[in-house]
PDB file of all heavy atoms in Angstrom:
ATOM      1  N   GLY A   1      -5.365  -3.726  13.140  1.00  0.00           N
ATOM      2  CA  GLY A   1      -5.842  -4.770  12.241  1.00  0.00           C
ATOM      3  C   GLY A   1      -5.370  -4.680  10.806  1.00  0.00           C
ATOM      4  O   GLY A   1      -5.686  -5.549   9.987  1.00  0.00           O
ATOM      5  N   ALA A   2      -4.633  -3.634  10.454  1.00  0.00           N
ATOM      6  CA  ALA A   2      -4.132  -3.503   9.072  1.00  0.00           C
ATOM      7  C   ALA A   2      -3.235  -4.676   8.722  1.00  0.00           C
ATOM      8  O   ALA A   2      -2.385  -5.076   9.527  1.00  0.00           O
ATOM      9  CB  ALA A   2      -3.374  -2.189   8.916  1.00  0.00           C
ATOM     10  N   ARG A   3      -3.428  -5.224   7.517  1.00  0.00           N
ATOM     11  CA  ARG A   3      -2.592  -6.339   7.063  1.00  0.00           C
ATOM     12  C   ARG A   3      -1.874  -6.004   5.756  1.00  0.00           C
ATOM     13  O   ARG A   3      -1.239  -6.860   5.165  1.00  0.00           O
ATOM     14  CB  ARG A   3      -3.449  -7.610   6.910  1.00  0.00           C
ATOM     15  CG  ARG A   3      -3.879  -8.219   8.246  1.00  0.00           C
ATOM     16  CD  ARG A   3      -2.680  -8.665   9.062  1.00  0.00           C
ATOM     17  NE  ARG A   3      -3.025  -9.074  10.431  1.00  0.00           N
ATOM     18  CZ  ARG A   3      -2.949  -8.285  11.496  1.00  0.00           C
ATOM     19  NH1 ARG A   3      -2.566  -7.017  11.346  1.00  0.00           N
ATOM     20  NH2 ARG A   3      -3.255  -8.733  12.692  1.00  0.00           N
ATOM     21  N   THR A   4      -2.023  -4.750   5.313  1.00  0.00           N
ATOM     22  CA  THR A   4      -1.251  -4.266   4.169  1.00  0.00           C
ATOM     23  C   THR A   4      -0.797  -2.844   4.490  1.00  0.00           C
ATOM     24  O   THR A   4      -1.610  -2.020   4.923  1.00  0.00           O
ATOM     25  CB  THR A   4      -2.090  -4.244   2.870  1.00  0.00           C
ATOM     26  OG1 THR A   4      -2.724  -5.511   2.708  1.00  0.00           O
ATOM     27  CG2 THR A   4      -1.219  -3.948   1.659  1.00  0.00           C
ATOM     28  N   ILE A   5       0.483  -2.576   4.266  1.00  0.00           N
ATOM     29  CA  ILE A   5       1.043  -1.246   4.493  1.00  0.00           C
ATOM     30  C   ILE A   5       1.636  -0.753   3.181  1.00  0.00           C
ATOM     31  O   ILE A   5       2.489  -1.418   2.581  1.00  0.00           O
ATOM     32  CB  ILE A   5       2.155  -1.260   5.565  1.00  0.00           C
ATOM     33  CG1 ILE A   5       1.659  -1.905   6.872  1.00  0.00           C
ATOM     34  CG2 ILE A   5       2.701   0.145   5.797  1.00  0.00           C
ATOM     35  CD1 ILE A   5       0.539  -1.158   7.574  1.00  0.00           C
ATOM     36  N   VAL A   6       1.177   0.406   2.718  1.00  0.00           N
ATOM     37  CA  VAL A   6       1.755   1.046   1.531  1.00  0.00           C
ATOM     38  C   VAL A   6       2.519   2.271   2.008  1.00  0.00           C
ATOM     39  O   VAL A   6       1.942   3.158   2.650  1.00  0.00           O
ATOM     40  CB  VAL A   6       0.672   1.461   0.513  1.00  0.00           C
ATOM     41  CG1 VAL A   6       1.311   2.132  -0.696  1.00  0.00           C
ATOM     42  CG2 VAL A   6      -0.150   0.249   0.075  1.00  0.00           C
ATOM     43  N   SER A   7       3.831   2.308   1.732  1.00  0.00           N
ATOM     44  CA  SER A   7       4.650   3.428   2.201  1.00  0.00           C
ATOM     45  C   SER A   7       5.782   3.685   1.218  1.00  0.00           C
ATOM     46  O   SER A   7       5.906   3.002   0.201  1.00  0.00           O
ATOM     47  CB  SER A   7       5.228   3.116   3.587  1.00  0.00           C
ATOM     48  OG  SER A   7       6.279   2.171   3.471  1.00  0.00           O
ATOM     49  N   ASN A   8       6.621   4.672   1.544  1.00  0.00           N
ATOM     50  CA  ASN A   8       7.787   4.970   0.705  1.00  0.00           C
ATOM     51  C   ASN A   8       9.028   4.208   1.173  1.00  0.00           C
ATOM     52  O   ASN A   8      10.130   4.433   0.686  1.00  0.00           O
ATOM     53  CB  ASN A   8       8.063   6.478   0.689  1.00  0.00           C
ATOM     54  CG  ASN A   8       8.368   7.034   2.081  1.00  0.00           C
ATOM     55  OD1 ASN A   8       8.352   6.303   3.073  1.00  0.00           O
ATOM     56  ND2 ASN A   8       8.622   8.323   2.157  1.00  0.00           N
ATOM     57  N   LYS A   9       8.854   3.293   2.124  1.00  0.00           N
ATOM     58  CA  LYS A   9       9.990   2.487   2.607  1.00  0.00           C
ATOM     59  C   LYS A   9      10.428   1.498   1.530  1.00  0.00           C
ATOM     60  O   LYS A   9       9.619   1.039   0.718  1.00  0.00           O
ATOM     61  CB  LYS A   9       9.588   1.728   3.874  1.00  0.00           C
ATOM     62  CG  LYS A   9       9.418   2.641   5.091  1.00  0.00           C
ATOM     63  CD  LYS A   9       9.229   1.818   6.350  1.00  0.00           C
ATOM     64  CE  LYS A   9       9.301   2.710   7.591  1.00  0.00           C
ATOM     65  NZ  LYS A   9       9.273   1.914   8.833  1.00  0.00           N
ATOM     66  N   LYS A  10      11.717   1.147   1.530  1.00  0.00           N
ATOM     67  CA  LYS A  10      12.280   0.310   0.466  1.00  0.00           C
ATOM     68  C   LYS A  10      11.775  -1.134   0.494  1.00  0.00           C
ATOM     69  O   LYS A  10      11.611  -1.762  -0.538  1.00  0.00           O
ATOM     70  CB  LYS A  10      13.814   0.321   0.538  1.00  0.00           C
ATOM     71  CG  LYS A  10      14.428   1.650   0.111  1.00  0.00           C
ATOM     72  CD  LYS A  10      15.949   1.583   0.169  1.00  0.00           C
ATOM     73  CE  LYS A  10      16.550   2.925  -0.272  1.00  0.00           C
ATOM     74  NZ  LYS A  10      18.039   2.878  -0.223  1.00  0.00           N
ATOM     75  N   PHE A  11      11.519  -1.662   1.682  1.00  0.00           N
ATOM     76  CA  PHE A  11      11.178  -3.083   1.811  1.00  0.00           C
ATOM     77  C   PHE A  11       9.820  -3.406   1.180  1.00  0.00           C
ATOM     78  O   PHE A  11       8.841  -2.687   1.366  1.00  0.00           O
ATOM     79  CB  PHE A  11      11.166  -3.483   3.282  1.00  0.00           C
ATOM     80  CG  PHE A  11      10.708  -4.904   3.508  1.00  0.00           C
ATOM     81  CD1 PHE A  11      11.537  -5.978   3.212  1.00  0.00           C
ATOM     82  CD2 PHE A  11       9.433  -5.159   3.994  1.00  0.00           C
ATOM     83  CE1 PHE A  11      11.104  -7.290   3.407  1.00  0.00           C
ATOM     84  CE2 PHE A  11       8.998  -6.466   4.194  1.00  0.00           C
ATOM     85  CZ  PHE A  11       9.837  -7.534   3.902  1.00  0.00           C
ATOM     86  N   GLU A  12       9.774  -4.520   0.420  1.00  0.00           N
ATOM     87  CA  GLU A  12       8.517  -5.057  -0.094  1.00  0.00           C
ATOM     88  C   GLU A  12       8.456  -6.541   0.251  1.00  0.00           C
ATOM     89  O   GLU A  12       9.441  -7.263   0.088  1.00  0.00           O
ATOM     90  CB  GLU A  12       8.417  -4.902  -1.614  1.00  0.00           C
ATOM     91  CG  GLU A  12       7.902  -3.553  -2.053  1.00  0.00           C
ATOM     92  CD  GLU A  12       7.211  -3.606  -3.419  1.00  0.00           C
ATOM     93  OE1 GLU A  12       7.536  -4.483  -4.228  1.00  0.00           O
ATOM     94  OE2 GLU A  12       6.354  -2.746  -3.643  1.00  0.00           O
ATOM     95  N   GLY A  13       7.304  -6.977   0.724  1.00  0.00           N
ATOM     96  CA  GLY A  13       7.140  -8.390   1.059  1.00  0.00           C
ATOM     97  C   GLY A  13       6.407  -8.554   2.373  1.00  0.00           C
ATOM     98  O   GLY A  13       5.837  -7.602   2.918  1.00  0.00           O
ATOM     99  N   PHE A  14       6.408  -9.782   2.895  1.00  0.00           N
ATOM    100  CA  PHE A  14       5.675 -10.088   4.122  1.00  0.00           C
ATOM    101  C   PHE A  14       6.581 -10.052   5.346  1.00  0.00           C
ATOM    102  O   PHE A  14       7.733 -10.492   5.308  1.00  0.00           O
ATOM    103  CB  PHE A  14       5.051 -11.484   4.024  1.00  0.00           C
ATOM    104  CG  PHE A  14       3.822 -11.526   3.162  1.00  0.00           C
ATOM    105  CD1 PHE A  14       3.913 -11.944   1.838  1.00  0.00           C
ATOM    106  CD2 PHE A  14       2.583 -11.155   3.669  1.00  0.00           C
ATOM    107  CE1 PHE A  14       2.780 -11.989   1.033  1.00  0.00           C
ATOM    108  CE2 PHE A  14       1.451 -11.195   2.873  1.00  0.00           C
ATOM    109  CZ  PHE A  14       1.548 -11.616   1.552  1.00  0.00           C
ATOM    110  N   LYS A  15       6.035  -9.479   6.418  1.00  0.00           N
ATOM    111  CA  LYS A  15       6.648  -9.545   7.746  1.00  0.00           C
ATOM    112  C   LYS A  15       5.516  -9.841   8.720  1.00  0.00           C
ATOM    113  O   LYS A  15       4.568  -9.039   8.820  1.00  0.00           O
ATOM    114  CB  LYS A  15       7.279  -8.189   8.120  1.00  0.00           C
ATOM    115  CG  LYS A  15       8.725  -8.020   7.738  1.00  0.00           C
ATOM    116  CD  LYS A  15       9.226  -6.694   8.326  1.00  0.00           C
ATOM    117  CE  LYS A  15      10.547  -6.278   7.699  1.00  0.00           C
ATOM    118  NZ  LYS A  15      10.953  -4.937   8.168  1.00  0.00           N
ATOM    119  N   LYS A  16       5.596 -10.995   9.395  1.00  0.00           N
ATOM    120  CA  LYS A  16       4.576 -11.365  10.376  1.00  0.00           C
ATOM    121  C   LYS A  16       3.162 -11.257   9.800  1.00  0.00           C
ATOM    122  O   LYS A  16       2.275 -10.625  10.386  1.00  0.00           O
ATOM    123  CB  LYS A  16       4.706 -10.504  11.639  1.00  0.00           C
ATOM    124  CG  LYS A  16       6.024 -10.696  12.371  1.00  0.00           C
ATOM    125  CD  LYS A  16       6.096  -9.819  13.609  1.00  0.00           C
ATOM    126  CE  LYS A  16       7.436 -10.010  14.313  1.00  0.00           C
ATOM    127  NZ  LYS A  16       7.564  -9.132  15.502  1.00  0.00           N
ATOM    128  N   LYS A  17       2.993 -11.825   8.599  1.00  0.00           N
ATOM    129  CA  LYS A  17       1.697 -11.885   7.892  1.00  0.00           C
ATOM    130  C   LYS A  17       1.180 -10.519   7.423  1.00  0.00           C
ATOM    131  O   LYS A  17       0.039 -10.393   6.978  1.00  0.00           O
ATOM    132  CB  LYS A  17       0.637 -12.567   8.761  1.00  0.00           C
ATOM    133  CG  LYS A  17       0.960 -14.029   9.071  1.00  0.00           C
ATOM    134  CD  LYS A  17      -0.162 -14.660   9.871  1.00  0.00           C
ATOM    135  CE  LYS A  17       0.187 -16.121  10.175  1.00  0.00           C
ATOM    136  NZ  LYS A  17      -0.875 -16.788  10.970  1.00  0.00           N
ATOM    137  N   VAL A  18       1.997  -9.486   7.537  1.00  0.00           N
ATOM    138  CA  VAL A  18       1.630  -8.154   7.034  1.00  0.00           C
ATOM    139  C   VAL A  18       2.388  -7.921   5.731  1.00  0.00           C
ATOM    140  O   VAL A  18       3.612  -8.090   5.677  1.00  0.00           O
ATOM    141  CB  VAL A  18       1.967  -7.043   8.053  1.00  0.00           C
ATOM    142  CG1 VAL A  18       1.676  -5.662   7.470  1.00  0.00           C
ATOM    143  CG2 VAL A  18       1.184  -7.267   9.344  1.00  0.00           C
ATOM    144  N   LEU A  19       1.646  -7.522   4.673  1.00  0.00           N
ATOM    145  CA  LEU A  19       2.268  -7.249   3.380  1.00  0.00           C
ATOM    146  C   LEU A  19       2.686  -5.782   3.311  1.00  0.00           C
ATOM    147  O   LEU A  19       1.872  -4.884   3.522  1.00  0.00           O
ATOM    148  CB  LEU A  19       1.285  -7.553   2.245  1.00  0.00           C
ATOM    149  CG  LEU A  19       1.757  -7.201   0.828  1.00  0.00           C
ATOM    150  CD1 LEU A  19       3.023  -7.971   0.449  1.00  0.00           C
ATOM    151  CD2 LEU A  19       0.644  -7.451  -0.192  1.00  0.00           C
ATOM    152  N   TYR A  20       3.972  -5.557   3.015  1.00  0.00           N
ATOM    153  CA  TYR A  20       4.495  -4.198   2.843  1.00  0.00           C
ATOM    154  C   TYR A  20       4.696  -3.943   1.345  1.00  0.00           C
ATOM    155  O   TYR A  20       5.363  -4.730   0.665  1.00  0.00           O
ATOM    156  CB  TYR A  20       5.820  -4.033   3.580  1.00  0.00           C
ATOM    157  CG  TYR A  20       5.693  -4.038   5.089  1.00  0.00           C
ATOM    158  CD1 TYR A  20       5.570  -5.233   5.778  1.00  0.00           C
ATOM    159  CD2 TYR A  20       5.687  -2.847   5.806  1.00  0.00           C
ATOM    160  CE1 TYR A  20       5.445  -5.251   7.166  1.00  0.00           C
ATOM    161  CE2 TYR A  20       5.573  -2.849   7.190  1.00  0.00           C
ATOM    162  CZ  TYR A  20       5.446  -4.049   7.857  1.00  0.00           C
ATOM    163  OH  TYR A  20       5.321  -4.048   9.235  1.00  0.00           O
ATOM    164  N   LEU A  21       4.132  -2.856   0.837  1.00  0.00           N
ATOM    165  CA  LEU A  21       4.295  -2.470  -0.566  1.00  0.00           C
ATOM    166  C   LEU A  21       4.921  -1.086  -0.628  1.00  0.00           C
ATOM    167  O   LEU A  21       4.586  -0.209   0.195  1.00  0.00           O
ATOM    168  CB  LEU A  21       2.944  -2.462  -1.285  1.00  0.00           C
ATOM    169  CG  LEU A  21       2.228  -3.811  -1.404  1.00  0.00           C
ATOM    170  CD1 LEU A  21       0.849  -3.618  -2.024  1.00  0.00           C
ATOM    171  CD2 LEU A  21       3.047  -4.798  -2.221  1.00  0.00           C
ATOM    172  N   ARG A  22       5.788  -0.879  -1.611  1.00  0.00           N
ATOM    173  CA  ARG A  22       6.472   0.407  -1.740  1.00  0.00           C
ATOM    174  C   ARG A  22       5.847   1.246  -2.853  1.00  0.00           C
ATOM    175  O   ARG A  22       5.483   0.720  -3.908  1.00  0.00           O
ATOM    176  CB  ARG A  22       7.956   0.181  -2.058  1.00  0.00           C
ATOM    177  CG  ARG A  22       8.758   1.470  -2.014  1.00  0.00           C
ATOM    178  CD  ARG A  22      10.173   1.250  -2.481  1.00  0.00           C
ATOM    179  NE  ARG A  22      10.925   2.499  -2.401  1.00  0.00           N
ATOM    180  CZ  ARG A  22      11.984   2.780  -3.142  1.00  0.00           C
ATOM    181  NH1 ARG A  22      12.423   1.897  -4.024  1.00  0.00           N
ATOM    182  NH2 ARG A  22      12.614   3.923  -3.012  1.00  0.00           N
ATOM    183  N   SER A  23       5.725   2.544  -2.613  1.00  0.00           N
ATOM    184  CA  SER A  23       5.240   3.469  -3.644  1.00  0.00           C
ATOM    185  C   SER A  23       6.005   4.783  -3.529  1.00  0.00           C
ATOM    186  O   SER A  23       6.214   5.294  -2.434  1.00  0.00           O
ATOM    187  CB  SER A  23       3.738   3.736  -3.471  1.00  0.00           C
ATOM    188  OG  SER A  23       3.308   4.739  -4.376  1.00  0.00           O
ATOM    189  N   LYS A  24       6.391   5.334  -4.683  1.00  0.00           N
ATOM    190  CA  LYS A  24       7.058   6.640  -4.694  1.00  0.00           C
ATOM    191  C   LYS A  24       6.074   7.764  -4.418  1.00  0.00           C
ATOM    192  O   LYS A  24       6.457   8.841  -3.959  1.00  0.00           O
ATOM    193  CB  LYS A  24       7.750   6.861  -6.048  1.00  0.00           C
ATOM    194  CG  LYS A  24       8.959   5.968  -6.279  1.00  0.00           C
ATOM    195  CD  LYS A  24       9.593   6.259  -7.634  1.00  0.00           C
ATOM    196  CE  LYS A  24      10.798   5.360  -7.876  1.00  0.00           C
ATOM    197  NZ  LYS A  24      11.394   5.600  -9.222  1.00  0.00           N
ATOM    198  N   ASN A  25       4.804   7.531  -4.750  1.00  0.00           N
ATOM    199  CA  ASN A  25       3.771   8.546  -4.519  1.00  0.00           C
ATOM    200  C   ASN A  25       2.568   7.859  -3.878  1.00  0.00           C
ATOM    201  O   ASN A  25       1.653   7.400  -4.561  1.00  0.00           O
ATOM    202  CB  ASN A  25       3.385   9.225  -5.828  1.00  0.00           C
ATOM    203  CG  ASN A  25       2.495  10.454  -5.607  1.00  0.00           C
ATOM    204  OD1 ASN A  25       1.812  10.555  -4.585  1.00  0.00           O
ATOM    205  ND2 ASN A  25       2.501  11.368  -6.559  1.00  0.00           N
ATOM    206  N   VAL A  26       2.591   7.800  -2.548  1.00  0.00           N
ATOM    207  CA  VAL A  26       1.553   7.076  -1.806  1.00  0.00           C
ATOM    208  C   VAL A  26       0.196   7.753  -1.977  1.00  0.00           C
ATOM    209  O   VAL A  26      -0.833   7.088  -2.110  1.00  0.00           O
ATOM    210  CB  VAL A  26       1.935   6.966  -0.310  1.00  0.00           C
ATOM    211  CG1 VAL A  26       0.838   6.244   0.475  1.00  0.00           C
ATOM    212  CG2 VAL A  26       3.261   6.233  -0.152  1.00  0.00           C
ATOM    213  N   ARG A  27       0.189   9.089  -1.989  1.00  0.00           N
ATOM    214  CA  ARG A  27      -1.076   9.828  -2.157  1.00  0.00           C
ATOM    215  C   ARG A  27      -1.758   9.461  -3.479  1.00  0.00           C
ATOM    216  O   ARG A  27      -2.970   9.229  -3.524  1.00  0.00           O
ATOM    217  CB  ARG A  27      -0.822  11.340  -2.136  1.00  0.00           C
ATOM    218  CG  ARG A  27      -0.460  11.922  -0.791  1.00  0.00           C
ATOM    219  CD  ARG A  27      -0.341  13.437  -0.928  1.00  0.00           C
ATOM    220  NE  ARG A  27       0.140  14.082   0.268  1.00  0.00           N
ATOM    221  CZ  ARG A  27      -0.616  14.441   1.303  1.00  0.00           C
ATOM    222  NH1 ARG A  27      -1.907  14.154   1.292  1.00  0.00           N
ATOM    223  NH2 ARG A  27      -0.090  15.064   2.347  1.00  0.00           N
ATOM    224  N   LYS A  28      -0.972   9.440  -4.550  1.00  0.00           N
ATOM    225  CA  LYS A  28      -1.511   9.149  -5.883  1.00  0.00           C
ATOM    226  C   LYS A  28      -2.075   7.728  -5.936  1.00  0.00           C
ATOM    227  O   LYS A  28      -3.172   7.501  -6.461  1.00  0.00           O
ATOM    228  CB  LYS A  28      -0.414   9.332  -6.936  1.00  0.00           C
ATOM    229  CG  LYS A  28      -0.898   9.366  -8.372  1.00  0.00           C
ATOM    230  CD  LYS A  28       0.276   9.739  -9.287  1.00  0.00           C
ATOM    231  CE  LYS A  28      -0.160  10.070 -10.695  1.00  0.00           C
ATOM    232  NZ  LYS A  28      -0.723   8.936 -11.428  1.00  0.00           N
ATOM    233  N   LEU A  29      -1.340   6.789  -5.371  1.00  0.00           N
ATOM    234  CA  LEU A  29      -1.787   5.392  -5.367  1.00  0.00           C
ATOM    235  C   LEU A  29      -3.061   5.233  -4.535  1.00  0.00           C
ATOM    236  O   LEU A  29      -3.966   4.474  -4.906  1.00  0.00           O
ATOM    237  CB  LEU A  29      -0.679   4.486  -4.836  1.00  0.00           C
ATOM    238  CG  LEU A  29      -0.964   2.984  -4.871  1.00  0.00           C
ATOM    239  CD1 LEU A  29      -1.297   2.506  -6.281  1.00  0.00           C
ATOM    240  CD2 LEU A  29       0.216   2.192  -4.313  1.00  0.00           C
ATOM    241  N   LEU A  30      -3.145   5.954  -3.414  1.00  0.00           N
ATOM    242  CA  LEU A  30      -4.361   5.928  -2.594  1.00  0.00           C
ATOM    243  C   LEU A  30      -5.570   6.367  -3.419  1.00  0.00           C
ATOM    244  O   LEU A  30      -6.614   5.705  -3.426  1.00  0.00           O
ATOM    245  CB  LEU A  30      -4.201   6.834  -1.371  1.00  0.00           C
ATOM    246  CG  LEU A  30      -5.486   7.137  -0.578  1.00  0.00           C
ATOM    247  CD1 LEU A  30      -6.059   5.873   0.047  1.00  0.00           C
ATOM    248  CD2 LEU A  30      -5.232   8.187   0.500  1.00  0.00           C
ATOM    249  N   ALA A  31      -5.436   7.503  -4.123  1.00  0.00           N
ATOM    250  CA  ALA A  31      -6.549   8.033  -4.910  1.00  0.00           C
ATOM    251  C   ALA A  31      -6.944   7.058  -6.019  1.00  0.00           C
ATOM    252  O   ALA A  31      -8.123   6.733  -6.182  1.00  0.00           O
ATOM    253  CB  ALA A  31      -6.169   9.388  -5.500  1.00  0.00           C
ATOM    254  N   GLU A  32      -5.961   6.591  -6.749  1.00  0.00           N
ATOM    255  CA  GLU A  32      -6.247   5.671  -7.862  1.00  0.00           C
ATOM    256  C   GLU A  32      -6.928   4.395  -7.369  1.00  0.00           C
ATOM    257  O   GLU A  32      -7.847   3.878  -8.021  1.00  0.00           O
ATOM    258  CB  GLU A  32      -4.954   5.339  -8.609  1.00  0.00           C
ATOM    259  CG  GLU A  32      -4.403   6.517  -9.395  1.00  0.00           C
ATOM    260  CD  GLU A  32      -3.000   6.295  -9.944  1.00  0.00           C
ATOM    261  OE1 GLU A  32      -2.331   5.330  -9.513  1.00  0.00           O
ATOM    262  OE2 GLU A  32      -2.574   7.081 -10.794  1.00  0.00           O
ATOM    263  N   THR A  33      -6.495   3.896  -6.215  1.00  0.00           N
ATOM    264  CA  THR A  33      -7.089   2.687  -5.647  1.00  0.00           C
ATOM    265  C   THR A  33      -8.513   2.949  -5.166  1.00  0.00           C
ATOM    266  O   THR A  33      -9.422   2.143  -5.393  1.00  0.00           O
ATOM    267  CB  THR A  33      -6.233   2.147  -4.490  1.00  0.00           C
ATOM    268  OG1 THR A  33      -4.879   2.013  -4.923  1.00  0.00           O
ATOM    269  CG2 THR A  33      -6.730   0.795  -4.014  1.00  0.00           C
ATOM    270  N   ALA A  34      -8.716   4.096  -4.500  1.00  0.00           N
ATOM    271  CA  ALA A  34     -10.050   4.432  -3.979  1.00  0.00           C
ATOM    272  C   ALA A  34     -11.084   4.508  -5.096  1.00  0.00           C
ATOM    273  O   ALA A  34     -12.196   3.984  -4.968  1.00  0.00           O
ATOM    274  CB  ALA A  34      -9.990   5.769  -3.227  1.00  0.00           C
ATOM    275  N   TYR A  35     -10.705   5.143  -6.233  1.00  0.00           N
ATOM    276  CA  TYR A  35     -11.666   5.284  -7.335  1.00  0.00           C
ATOM    277  C   TYR A  35     -11.886   3.975  -8.085  1.00  0.00           C
ATOM    278  O   TYR A  35     -12.853   3.839  -8.832  1.00  0.00           O
ATOM    279  CB  TYR A  35     -11.231   6.404  -8.280  1.00  0.00           C
ATOM    280  CG  TYR A  35     -11.194   7.759  -7.610  1.00  0.00           C
ATOM    281  CD1 TYR A  35     -10.016   8.509  -7.558  1.00  0.00           C
ATOM    282  CD2 TYR A  35     -12.325   8.285  -6.986  1.00  0.00           C
ATOM    283  CE1 TYR A  35      -9.971   9.741  -6.914  1.00  0.00           C
ATOM    284  CE2 TYR A  35     -12.291   9.504  -6.338  1.00  0.00           C
ATOM    285  CZ  TYR A  35     -11.111  10.228  -6.306  1.00  0.00           C
ATOM    286  OH  TYR A  35     -11.070  11.439  -5.659  1.00  0.00           O
ATOM    287  N   LYS A  36     -10.993   2.984  -7.866  1.00  0.00           N
ATOM    288  CA  LYS A  36     -11.222   1.638  -8.413  1.00  0.00           C
ATOM    289  C   LYS A  36     -12.133   0.827  -7.486  1.00  0.00           C
ATOM    290  O   LYS A  36     -13.006   0.103  -7.934  1.00  0.00           O
ATOM    291  CB  LYS A  36      -9.887   0.900  -8.593  1.00  0.00           C
ATOM    292  CG  LYS A  36      -9.056   1.383  -9.765  1.00  0.00           C
ATOM    293  CD  LYS A  36      -7.724   0.633  -9.810  1.00  0.00           C
ATOM    294  CE  LYS A  36      -6.798   1.181 -10.879  1.00  0.00           C
ATOM    295  NZ  LYS A  36      -5.459   0.546 -10.842  1.00  0.00           N
ATOM    296  N   VAL A  37     -11.900   0.947  -6.176  1.00  0.00           N
ATOM    297  CA  VAL A  37     -12.709   0.214  -5.203  1.00  0.00           C
ATOM    298  C   VAL A  37     -14.160   0.699  -5.246  1.00  0.00           C
ATOM    299  O   VAL A  37     -15.101  -0.091  -5.320  1.00  0.00           O
ATOM    300  CB  VAL A  37     -12.122   0.349  -3.785  1.00  0.00           C
ATOM    301  CG1 VAL A  37     -13.087  -0.213  -2.731  1.00  0.00           C
ATOM    302  CG2 VAL A  37     -10.782  -0.373  -3.690  1.00  0.00           C
ATOM    303  N   PHE A  38     -14.336   2.022  -5.186  1.00  0.00           N
ATOM    304  CA  PHE A  38     -15.678   2.614  -5.323  1.00  0.00           C
ATOM    305  C   PHE A  38     -15.813   3.071  -6.779  1.00  0.00           C
ATOM    306  O   PHE A  38     -15.623   4.237  -7.100  1.00  0.00           O
ATOM    307  CB  PHE A  38     -15.847   3.786  -4.348  1.00  0.00           C
ATOM    308  CG  PHE A  38     -15.677   3.380  -2.907  1.00  0.00           C
ATOM    309  CD1 PHE A  38     -14.460   3.553  -2.272  1.00  0.00           C
ATOM    310  CD2 PHE A  38     -16.714   2.807  -2.196  1.00  0.00           C
ATOM    311  CE1 PHE A  38     -14.277   3.175  -0.945  1.00  0.00           C
ATOM    312  CE2 PHE A  38     -16.548   2.420  -0.873  1.00  0.00           C
ATOM    313  CZ  PHE A  38     -15.334   2.596  -0.248  1.00  0.00           C
ATOM    314  N   ASN A  39     -16.118   2.113  -7.635  1.00  0.00           N
ATOM    315  CA  ASN A  39     -15.955   2.359  -9.076  1.00  0.00           C
ATOM    316  C   ASN A  39     -17.187   2.907  -9.782  1.00  0.00           C
ATOM    317  O   ASN A  39     -17.139   3.180 -10.974  1.00  0.00           O
ATOM    318  CB  ASN A  39     -15.475   1.075  -9.775  1.00  0.00           C
ATOM    319  CG  ASN A  39     -16.466  -0.071  -9.611  1.00  0.00           C
ATOM    320  OD1 ASN A  39     -17.457   0.053  -8.914  1.00  0.00           O
ATOM    321  ND2 ASN A  39     -16.176  -1.189 -10.247  1.00  0.00           N
TER     322      ASN A  39
END
């Protein structure tokens, strides 16, 4: 059911209604996002 993928892959954009986002440091982005969501 995931509709957003954050990875170190180069591609950014939509494929089959799934949004792909690129990050050089996925762990760091996960933490920063988690502390914003549960703020």
